[in-house]
Amino acid sequence: MKKIFLFGAVFLLFSCSSQLYIPIDATPKVSLEDLKKGREIYVNNCASCHQLYAPNKFSEKEWEENLNRMQGRAKISDTEKQLIYQYITTEPNK
């Protein structure tokens, strides 16, 4: 039974994270390295407690509010929060 639960949890994590864009280019405001770090932190930290949301699910203001509210629970630094914010508010192919 534990194996089935573990498989389901791993499957859910990977199925959600595969819907998130993978940065392949820098933007004028954000480096490619920072976008990749932001995605990694988002996937590794946020998915441990709840489903991951697509970046276009919320407005920039809503993302800022969500991140401010969740920062303490997720135990992420201000820098990590900023990297996540940059990732989720930077649309690919802009």
PDB file of N, CA and C in Angstrom:
ATOM      1  N   MET A   1       0.820  -1.188   0.000  1.00  0.00           N
ATOM      2  CA  MET A   1       0.000   0.000   0.000  1.00  0.00           C
ATOM      3  C   MET A   1       0.870   1.261   0.000  1.00  0.00           C
ATOM      4  N   LYS A   2       1.940   1.226   0.771  1.00  0.00           N
ATOM      5  CA  LYS A   2       2.836   2.391   0.820  1.00  0.00           C
ATOM      6  C   LYS A   2       3.440   2.661  -0.551  1.00  0.00           C
ATOM      7  N   LYS A   3       3.770   1.584  -1.288  1.00  0.00           N
ATOM      8  CA  LYS A   3       4.375   1.761  -2.610  1.00  0.00           C
ATOM      9  C   LYS A   3       3.402   2.445  -3.565  1.00  0.00           C
ATOM     10  N   ILE A   4       2.137   2.091  -3.477  1.00  0.00           N
ATOM     11  CA  ILE A   4       1.141   2.707  -4.347  1.00  0.00           C
ATOM     12  C   ILE A   4       1.006   4.196  -4.022  1.00  0.00           C
ATOM     13  N   PHE A   5       0.966   4.527  -2.751  1.00  0.00           N
ATOM     14  CA  PHE A   5       0.865   5.923  -2.336  1.00  0.00           C
ATOM     15  C   PHE A   5       2.090   6.709  -2.802  1.00  0.00           C
ATOM     16  N   LEU A   6       3.268   6.150  -2.598  1.00  0.00           N
ATOM     17  CA  LEU A   6       4.503   6.818  -3.005  1.00  0.00           C
ATOM     18  C   LEU A   6       4.535   7.018  -4.507  1.00  0.00           C
ATOM     19  N   PHE A   7       4.149   5.991  -5.258  1.00  0.00           N
ATOM     20  CA  PHE A   7       4.114   6.108  -6.715  1.00  0.00           C
ATOM     21  C   PHE A   7       3.159   7.227  -7.135  1.00  0.00           C
ATOM     22  N   GLY A   8       1.983   7.271  -6.506  1.00  0.00           N
ATOM     23  CA  GLY A   8       1.002   8.298  -6.828  1.00  0.00           C
ATOM     24  C   GLY A   8       1.512   9.698  -6.537  1.00  0.00           C
ATOM     25  N   ALA A   9       2.181   9.855  -5.408  1.00  0.00           N
ATOM     26  CA  ALA A   9       2.726  11.165  -5.044  1.00  0.00           C
ATOM     27  C   ALA A   9       3.806  11.603  -6.026  1.00  0.00           C
ATOM     28  N   VAL A  10       4.695  10.690  -6.395  1.00  0.00           N
ATOM     29  CA  VAL A  10       5.767  11.011  -7.344  1.00  0.00           C
ATOM     30  C   VAL A  10       5.171  11.322  -8.717  1.00  0.00           C
ATOM     31  N   PHE A  11       4.203  10.533  -9.134  1.00  0.00           N
ATOM     32  CA  PHE A  11       3.556  10.772 -10.425  1.00  0.00           C
ATOM     33  C   PHE A  11       2.898  12.147 -10.459  1.00  0.00           C
ATOM     34  N   LEU A  12       2.183  12.489  -9.402  1.00  0.00           N
ATOM     35  CA  LEU A  12       1.520  13.785  -9.333  1.00  0.00           C
ATOM     36  C   LEU A  12       2.520  14.925  -9.395  1.00  0.00           C
ATOM     37  N   LEU A  13       3.606  14.802  -8.668  1.00  0.00           N
ATOM     38  CA  LEU A  13       4.637  15.836  -8.673  1.00  0.00           C
ATOM     39  C   LEU A  13       5.194  16.042 -10.068  1.00  0.00           C
ATOM     40  N   PHE A  14       5.557  14.965 -10.740  1.00  0.00           N
ATOM     41  CA  PHE A  14       6.154  15.101 -12.066  1.00  0.00           C
ATOM     42  C   PHE A  14       5.141  15.521 -13.117  1.00  0.00           C
ATOM     43  N   SER A  15       3.910  15.103 -12.993  1.00  0.00           N
ATOM     44  CA  SER A  15       2.912  15.512 -13.980  1.00  0.00           C
ATOM     45  C   SER A  15       2.627  17.009 -13.864  1.00  0.00           C
ATOM     46  N   CYS A  16       2.621  17.540 -12.662  1.00  0.00           N
ATOM     47  CA  CYS A  16       2.399  18.977 -12.482  1.00  0.00           C
ATOM     48  C   CYS A  16       3.600  19.784 -12.943  1.00  0.00           C
ATOM     49  N   SER A  17       4.788  19.337 -12.568  1.00  0.00           N
ATOM     50  CA  SER A  17       5.975  20.120 -12.908  1.00  0.00           C
ATOM     51  C   SER A  17       6.248  20.105 -14.401  1.00  0.00           C
ATOM     52  N   SER A  18       5.775  19.080 -15.110  1.00  0.00           N
ATOM     53  CA  SER A  18       6.020  19.033 -16.553  1.00  0.00           C
ATOM     54  C   SER A  18       5.178  20.066 -17.296  1.00  0.00           C
ATOM     55  N   GLN A  19       4.129  20.595 -16.667  1.00  0.00           N
ATOM     56  CA  GLN A  19       3.306  21.613 -17.289  1.00  0.00           C
ATOM     57  C   GLN A  19       3.915  22.999 -17.158  1.00  0.00           C
ATOM     58  N   LEU A  20       4.917  23.137 -16.344  1.00  0.00           N
ATOM     59  CA  LEU A  20       5.584  24.420 -16.153  1.00  0.00           C
ATOM     60  C   LEU A  20       6.618  24.610 -17.243  1.00  0.00           C
ATOM     61  N   TYR A  21       6.721  25.807 -17.725  1.00  0.00           N
ATOM     62  CA  TYR A  21       7.710  26.048 -18.765  1.00  0.00           C
ATOM     63  C   TYR A  21       9.122  25.925 -18.205  1.00  0.00           C
ATOM     64  N   ILE A  22      10.022  25.514 -19.069  1.00  0.00           N
ATOM     65  CA  ILE A  22      11.434  25.418 -18.709  1.00  0.00           C
ATOM     66  C   ILE A  22      12.137  26.572 -19.411  1.00  0.00           C
ATOM     67  N   PRO A  23      12.740  27.471 -18.656  1.00  0.00           N
ATOM     68  CA  PRO A  23      13.393  28.626 -19.270  1.00  0.00           C
ATOM     69  C   PRO A  23      14.545  28.206 -20.183  1.00  0.00           C
ATOM     70  N   ILE A  24      14.570  28.805 -21.380  1.00  0.00           N
ATOM     71  CA  ILE A  24      15.666  28.526 -22.312  1.00  0.00           C
ATOM     72  C   ILE A  24      16.372  29.797 -22.761  1.00  0.00           C
ATOM     73  N   ASP A  25      15.808  30.954 -22.418  1.00  0.00           N
ATOM     74  CA  ASP A  25      16.405  32.235 -22.785  1.00  0.00           C
ATOM     75  C   ASP A  25      16.300  33.214 -21.631  1.00  0.00           C
ATOM     76  N   ALA A  26      17.285  34.091 -21.560  1.00  0.00           N
ATOM     77  CA  ALA A  26      17.232  35.190 -20.598  1.00  0.00           C
ATOM     78  C   ALA A  26      16.257  36.237 -21.119  1.00  0.00           C
ATOM     79  N   THR A  27      15.859  37.127 -20.269  1.00  0.00           N
ATOM     80  CA  THR A  27      15.043  38.274 -20.688  1.00  0.00           C
ATOM     81  C   THR A  27      15.877  39.520 -20.418  1.00  0.00           C
ATOM     82  N   PRO A  28      15.426  40.671 -20.886  1.00  0.00           N
ATOM     83  CA  PRO A  28      16.182  41.898 -20.585  1.00  0.00           C
ATOM     84  C   PRO A  28      16.304  42.163 -19.084  1.00  0.00           C
ATOM     85  N   LYS A  29      15.358  41.652 -18.294  1.00  0.00           N
ATOM     86  CA  LYS A  29      15.365  41.929 -16.860  1.00  0.00           C
ATOM     87  C   LYS A  29      15.870  40.773 -16.002  1.00  0.00           C
ATOM     88  N   VAL A  30      15.822  39.527 -16.513  1.00  0.00           N
ATOM     89  CA  VAL A  30      16.143  38.358 -15.686  1.00  0.00           C
ATOM     90  C   VAL A  30      17.074  37.419 -16.456  1.00  0.00           C
ATOM     91  N   SER A  31      18.141  36.989 -15.786  1.00  0.00           N
ATOM     92  CA  SER A  31      19.086  36.071 -16.429  1.00  0.00           C
ATOM     93  C   SER A  31      18.486  34.675 -16.537  1.00  0.00           C
ATOM     94  N   LEU A  32      18.987  33.901 -17.475  1.00  0.00           N
ATOM     95  CA  LEU A  32      18.543  32.515 -17.640  1.00  0.00           C
ATOM     96  C   LEU A  32      18.829  31.712 -16.377  1.00  0.00           C
ATOM     97  N   GLU A  33      19.976  31.948 -15.769  1.00  0.00           N
ATOM     98  CA  GLU A  33      20.341  31.247 -14.532  1.00  0.00           C
ATOM     99  C   GLU A  33      19.325  31.523 -13.421  1.00  0.00           C
ATOM    100  N   ASP A  34      18.911  32.776 -13.274  1.00  0.00           N
ATOM    101  CA  ASP A  34      17.937  33.121 -12.239  1.00  0.00           C
ATOM    102  C   ASP A  34      16.563  32.499 -12.523  1.00  0.00           C
ATOM    103  N   LEU A  35      16.160  32.471 -13.793  1.00  0.00           N
ATOM    104  CA  LEU A  35      14.889  31.840 -14.143  1.00  0.00           C
ATOM    105  C   LEU A  35      14.912  30.344 -13.814  1.00  0.00           C
ATOM    106  N   LYS A  36      16.020  29.687 -14.133  1.00  0.00           N
ATOM    107  CA  LYS A  36      16.144  28.257 -13.834  1.00  0.00           C
ATOM    108  C   LYS A  36      16.155  27.998 -12.327  1.00  0.00           C
ATOM    109  N   LYS A  37      16.850  28.848 -11.587  1.00  0.00           N
ATOM    110  CA  LYS A  37      16.865  28.703 -10.121  1.00  0.00           C
ATOM    111  C   LYS A  37      15.465  28.904  -9.547  1.00  0.00           C
ATOM    112  N   GLY A  38      14.760  29.906 -10.051  1.00  0.00           N
ATOM    113  CA  GLY A  38      13.403  30.172  -9.590  1.00  0.00           C
ATOM    114  C   GLY A  38      12.477  28.998  -9.835  1.00  0.00           C
ATOM    115  N   ARG A  39      12.596  28.382 -11.009  1.00  0.00           N
ATOM    116  CA  ARG A  39      11.771  27.207 -11.315  1.00  0.00           C
ATOM    117  C   ARG A  39      12.120  26.059 -10.381  1.00  0.00           C
ATOM    118  N   GLU A  40      13.397  25.828 -10.189  1.00  0.00           N
ATOM    119  CA  GLU A  40      13.840  24.737  -9.320  1.00  0.00           C
ATOM    120  C   GLU A  40      13.322  24.915  -7.890  1.00  0.00           C
ATOM    121  N   ILE A  41      13.431  26.123  -7.366  1.00  0.00           N
ATOM    122  CA  ILE A  41      12.948  26.387  -6.005  1.00  0.00           C
ATOM    123  C   ILE A  41      11.434  26.199  -5.946  1.00  0.00           C
ATOM    124  N   TYR A  42      10.727  26.700  -6.958  1.00  0.00           N
ATOM    125  CA  TYR A  42       9.270  26.570  -6.998  1.00  0.00           C
ATOM    126  C   TYR A  42       8.866  25.091  -6.999  1.00  0.00           C
ATOM    127  N   VAL A  43       9.470  24.309  -7.859  1.00  0.00           N
ATOM    128  CA  VAL A  43       9.123  22.888  -7.963  1.00  0.00           C
ATOM    129  C   VAL A  43       9.504  22.141  -6.688  1.00  0.00           C
ATOM    130  N   ASN A  44      10.700  22.360  -6.191  1.00  0.00           N
ATOM    131  CA  ASN A  44      11.173  21.582  -5.044  1.00  0.00           C
ATOM    132  C   ASN A  44      10.543  21.993  -3.720  1.00  0.00           C
ATOM    133  N   ASN A  45      10.256  23.264  -3.533  1.00  0.00           N
ATOM    134  CA  ASN A  45       9.719  23.717  -2.247  1.00  0.00           C
ATOM    135  C   ASN A  45       8.199  23.717  -2.202  1.00  0.00           C
ATOM    136  N   CYS A  46       7.583  24.266  -3.207  1.00  0.00           N
ATOM    137  CA  CYS A  46       6.134  24.461  -3.151  1.00  0.00           C
ATOM    138  C   CYS A  46       5.371  23.146  -3.332  1.00  0.00           C
ATOM    139  N   ALA A  47       5.881  22.258  -4.180  1.00  0.00           N
ATOM    140  CA  ALA A  47       5.181  20.994  -4.435  1.00  0.00           C
ATOM    141  C   ALA A  47       5.235  20.040  -3.259  1.00  0.00           C
ATOM    142  N   SER A  48       6.063  20.318  -2.277  1.00  0.00           N
ATOM    143  CA  SER A  48       6.116  19.422  -1.134  1.00  0.00           C
ATOM    144  C   SER A  48       4.868  19.544  -0.266  1.00  0.00           C
ATOM    145  N   CYS A  49       4.099  20.643  -0.425  1.00  0.00           N
ATOM    146  CA  CYS A  49       2.888  20.843   0.383  1.00  0.00           C
ATOM    147  C   CYS A  49       1.600  20.886  -0.435  1.00  0.00           C
ATOM    148  N   HIS A  50       1.666  21.311  -1.680  1.00  0.00           N
ATOM    149  CA  HIS A  50       0.447  21.451  -2.482  1.00  0.00           C
ATOM    150  C   HIS A  50       0.776  21.353  -3.954  1.00  0.00           C
ATOM    151  N   GLN A  51      -0.273  21.315  -4.769  1.00  0.00           N
ATOM    152  CA  GLN A  51      -0.070  21.240  -6.213  1.00  0.00           C
ATOM    153  C   GLN A  51       0.617  22.507  -6.710  1.00  0.00           C
ATOM    154  N   LEU A  52       1.308  22.380  -7.809  1.00  0.00           N
ATOM    155  CA  LEU A  52       1.943  23.540  -8.421  1.00  0.00           C
ATOM    156  C   LEU A  52       0.954  24.189  -9.377  1.00  0.00           C
ATOM    157  N   TYR A  53       0.951  25.493  -9.391  1.00  0.00           N
ATOM    158  CA  TYR A  53       0.063  26.230 -10.270  1.00  0.00           C
ATOM    159  C   TYR A  53       0.848  26.763 -11.452  1.00  0.00           C
ATOM    160  N   ALA A  54       0.221  26.757 -12.615  1.00  0.00           N
ATOM    161  CA  ALA A  54       0.848  27.312 -13.806  1.00  0.00           C
ATOM    162  C   ALA A  54       1.092  28.796 -13.584  1.00  0.00           C
ATOM    163  N   PRO A  55       2.186  29.321 -14.115  1.00  0.00           N
ATOM    164  CA  PRO A  55       2.490  30.744 -13.912  1.00  0.00           C
ATOM    165  C   PRO A  55       1.363  31.683 -14.325  1.00  0.00           C
ATOM    166  N   ASN A  56       0.587  31.316 -15.337  1.00  0.00           N
ATOM    167  CA  ASN A  56      -0.488  32.214 -15.791  1.00  0.00           C
ATOM    168  C   ASN A  56      -1.775  32.053 -14.988  1.00  0.00           C
ATOM    169  N   LYS A  57      -1.761  31.244 -13.952  1.00  0.00           N
ATOM    170  CA  LYS A  57      -2.951  31.015 -13.113  1.00  0.00           C
ATOM    171  C   LYS A  57      -3.340  32.279 -12.335  1.00  0.00           C
ATOM    172  N   PHE A  58      -2.344  33.077 -11.935  1.00  0.00           N
ATOM    173  CA  PHE A  58      -2.584  34.274 -11.140  1.00  0.00           C
ATOM    174  C   PHE A  58      -1.907  35.476 -11.782  1.00  0.00           C
ATOM    175  N   SER A  59      -2.388  36.662 -11.442  1.00  0.00           N
ATOM    176  CA  SER A  59      -1.754  37.905 -11.909  1.00  0.00           C
ATOM    177  C   SER A  59      -0.459  38.117 -11.124  1.00  0.00           C
ATOM    178  N   GLU A  60       0.354  39.062 -11.571  1.00  0.00           N
ATOM    179  CA  GLU A  60       1.600  39.368 -10.863  1.00  0.00           C
ATOM    180  C   GLU A  60       1.307  39.788  -9.424  1.00  0.00           C
ATOM    181  N   LYS A  61       0.283  40.597  -9.237  1.00  0.00           N
ATOM    182  CA  LYS A  61      -0.072  41.040  -7.884  1.00  0.00           C
ATOM    183  C   LYS A  61      -0.514  39.852  -7.021  1.00  0.00           C
ATOM    184  N   GLU A  62      -1.326  38.958  -7.584  1.00  0.00           N
ATOM    185  CA  GLU A  62      -1.772  37.778  -6.832  1.00  0.00           C
ATOM    186  C   GLU A  62      -0.602  36.870  -6.474  1.00  0.00           C
ATOM    187  N   TRP A  63       0.341  36.712  -7.413  1.00  0.00           N
ATOM    188  CA  TRP A  63       1.534  35.901  -7.114  1.00  0.00           C
ATOM    189  C   TRP A  63       2.328  36.527  -5.976  1.00  0.00           C
ATOM    190  N   GLU A  64       2.470  37.843  -6.016  1.00  0.00           N
ATOM    191  CA  GLU A  64       3.212  38.525  -4.952  1.00  0.00           C
ATOM    192  C   GLU A  64       2.542  38.284  -3.595  1.00  0.00           C
ATOM    193  N   GLU A  65       1.231  38.416  -3.559  1.00  0.00           N
ATOM    194  CA  GLU A  65       0.494  38.177  -2.315  1.00  0.00           C
ATOM    195  C   GLU A  65       0.627  36.721  -1.857  1.00  0.00           C
ATOM    196  N   ASN A  66       0.496  35.789  -2.799  1.00  0.00           N
ATOM    197  CA  ASN A  66       0.630  34.362  -2.468  1.00  0.00           C
ATOM    198  C   ASN A  66       2.016  34.049  -1.910  1.00  0.00           C
ATOM    199  N   LEU A  67       3.039  34.572  -2.559  1.00  0.00           N
ATOM    200  CA  LEU A  67       4.407  34.306  -2.103  1.00  0.00           C
ATOM    201  C   LEU A  67       4.671  34.931  -0.738  1.00  0.00           C
ATOM    202  N   ASN A  68       4.172  36.129  -0.525  1.00  0.00           N
ATOM    203  CA  ASN A  68       4.348  36.769   0.788  1.00  0.00           C
ATOM    204  C   ASN A  68       3.673  35.945   1.883  1.00  0.00           C
ATOM    205  N   ARG A  69       2.486  35.431   1.571  1.00  0.00           N
ATOM    206  CA  ARG A  69       1.735  34.643   2.549  1.00  0.00           C
ATOM    207  C   ARG A  69       2.404  33.292   2.818  1.00  0.00           C
ATOM    208  N   MET A  70       3.006  32.691   1.806  1.00  0.00           N
ATOM    209  CA  MET A  70       3.557  31.346   1.933  1.00  0.00           C
ATOM    210  C   MET A  70       5.037  31.319   2.336  1.00  0.00           C
ATOM    211  N   GLN A  71       5.710  32.432   2.300  1.00  0.00           N
ATOM    212  CA  GLN A  71       7.152  32.463   2.546  1.00  0.00           C
ATOM    213  C   GLN A  71       7.538  31.795   3.859  1.00  0.00           C
ATOM    214  N   GLY A  72       6.866  32.117   4.920  1.00  0.00           N
ATOM    215  CA  GLY A  72       7.189  31.533   6.223  1.00  0.00           C
ATOM    216  C   GLY A  72       6.949  30.035   6.265  1.00  0.00           C
ATOM    217  N   ARG A  73       5.827  29.608   5.708  1.00  0.00           N
ATOM    218  CA  ARG A  73       5.508  28.177   5.688  1.00  0.00           C
ATOM    219  C   ARG A  73       6.518  27.389   4.858  1.00  0.00           C
ATOM    220  N   ALA A  74       6.911  27.973   3.730  1.00  0.00           N
ATOM    221  CA  ALA A  74       7.843  27.294   2.827  1.00  0.00           C
ATOM    222  C   ALA A  74       9.293  27.400   3.294  1.00  0.00           C
ATOM    223  N   LYS A  75       9.521  28.273   4.265  1.00  0.00           N
ATOM    224  CA  LYS A  75      10.871  28.487   4.801  1.00  0.00           C
ATOM    225  C   LYS A  75      11.851  28.853   3.693  1.00  0.00           C
ATOM    226  N   ILE A  76      11.460  29.861   2.903  1.00  0.00           N
ATOM    227  CA  ILE A  76      12.335  30.354   1.849  1.00  0.00           C
ATOM    228  C   ILE A  76      12.782  31.767   2.188  1.00  0.00           C
ATOM    229  N   SER A  77      13.968  32.103   1.748  1.00  0.00           N
ATOM    230  CA  SER A  77      14.542  33.428   1.998  1.00  0.00           C
ATOM    231  C   SER A  77      13.894  34.458   1.071  1.00  0.00           C
ATOM    232  N   ASP A  78      14.179  35.716   1.334  1.00  0.00           N
ATOM    233  CA  ASP A  78      13.700  36.782   0.457  1.00  0.00           C
ATOM    234  C   ASP A  78      14.258  36.601  -0.957  1.00  0.00           C
ATOM    235  N   THR A  79      15.507  36.188  -1.052  1.00  0.00           N
ATOM    236  CA  THR A  79      16.138  35.964  -2.358  1.00  0.00           C
ATOM    237  C   THR A  79      15.448  34.830  -3.101  1.00  0.00           C
ATOM    238  N   GLU A  80      15.167  33.746  -2.407  1.00  0.00           N
ATOM    239  CA  GLU A  80      14.482  32.613  -3.043  1.00  0.00           C
ATOM    240  C   GLU A  80      13.069  33.006  -3.476  1.00  0.00           C
ATOM    241  N   LYS A  81      12.391  33.780  -2.642  1.00  0.00           N
ATOM    242  CA  LYS A  81      11.051  34.262  -2.993  1.00  0.00           C
ATOM    243  C   LYS A  81      11.112  35.113  -4.258  1.00  0.00           C
ATOM    244  N   GLN A  82      12.106  35.970  -4.348  1.00  0.00           N
ATOM    245  CA  GLN A  82      12.254  36.823  -5.530  1.00  0.00           C
ATOM    246  C   GLN A  82      12.546  35.996  -6.779  1.00  0.00           C
ATOM    247  N   LEU A  83      13.358  34.963  -6.654  1.00  0.00           N
ATOM    248  CA  LEU A  83      13.657  34.094  -7.801  1.00  0.00           C
ATOM    249  C   LEU A  83      12.400  33.371  -8.277  1.00  0.00           C
ATOM    250  N   ILE A  84      11.592  32.882  -7.348  1.00  0.00           N
ATOM    251  CA  ILE A  84      10.332  32.237  -7.723  1.00  0.00           C
ATOM    252  C   ILE A  84       9.431  33.246  -8.428  1.00  0.00           C
ATOM    253  N   TYR A  85       9.314  34.428  -7.850  1.00  0.00           N
ATOM    254  CA  TYR A  85       8.469  35.473  -8.435  1.00  0.00           C
ATOM    255  C   TYR A  85       8.907  35.802  -9.866  1.00  0.00           C
ATOM    256  N   GLN A  86      10.207  35.949 -10.060  1.00  0.00           N
ATOM    257  CA  GLN A  86      10.708  36.257 -11.403  1.00  0.00           C
ATOM    258  C   GLN A  86      10.366  35.133 -12.383  1.00  0.00           C
ATOM    259  N   TYR A  87      10.510  33.895 -11.929  1.00  0.00           N
ATOM    260  CA  TYR A  87      10.190  32.764 -12.801  1.00  0.00           C
ATOM    261  C   TYR A  87       8.708  32.745 -13.157  1.00  0.00           C
ATOM    262  N   ILE A  88       7.841  32.835 -12.176  1.00  0.00           N
ATOM    263  CA  ILE A  88       6.418  32.651 -12.449  1.00  0.00           C
ATOM    264  C   ILE A  88       5.762  33.867 -13.110  1.00  0.00           C
ATOM    265  N   THR A  89       6.424  35.009 -13.091  1.00  0.00           N
ATOM    266  CA  THR A  89       5.848  36.189 -13.739  1.00  0.00           C
ATOM    267  C   THR A  89       6.539  36.534 -15.055  1.00  0.00           C
ATOM    268  N   THR A  90       7.488  35.724 -15.468  1.00  0.00           N
ATOM    269  CA  THR A  90       8.177  35.931 -16.738  1.00  0.00           C
ATOM    270  C   THR A  90       7.625  34.947 -17.760  1.00  0.00           C
ATOM    271  N   GLU A  91       6.911  35.459 -18.737  1.00  0.00           N
ATOM    272  CA  GLU A  91       6.328  34.595 -19.744  1.00  0.00           C
ATOM    273  C   GLU A  91       7.397  34.144 -20.729  1.00  0.00           C
ATOM    274  N   PRO A  92       7.358  32.884 -21.114  1.00  0.00           N
ATOM    275  CA  PRO A  92       8.329  32.416 -22.106  1.00  0.00           C
ATOM    276  C   PRO A  92       8.058  33.047 -23.465  1.00  0.00           C
ATOM    277  N   ASN A  93       9.108  33.115 -24.260  1.00  0.00           N
ATOM    278  CA  ASN A  93       9.024  33.607 -25.642  1.00  0.00           C
ATOM    279  C   ASN A  93       8.572  35.055 -25.750  1.00  0.00           C
ATOM    280  N   LYS A  94       8.891  35.852 -24.754  1.00  0.00           N
ATOM    281  CA  LYS A  94       8.571  37.280 -24.824  1.00  0.00           C
ATOM    282  C   LYS A  94       9.697  38.025 -25.470  1.00  0.00           C
TER     283      LYS A  94
END
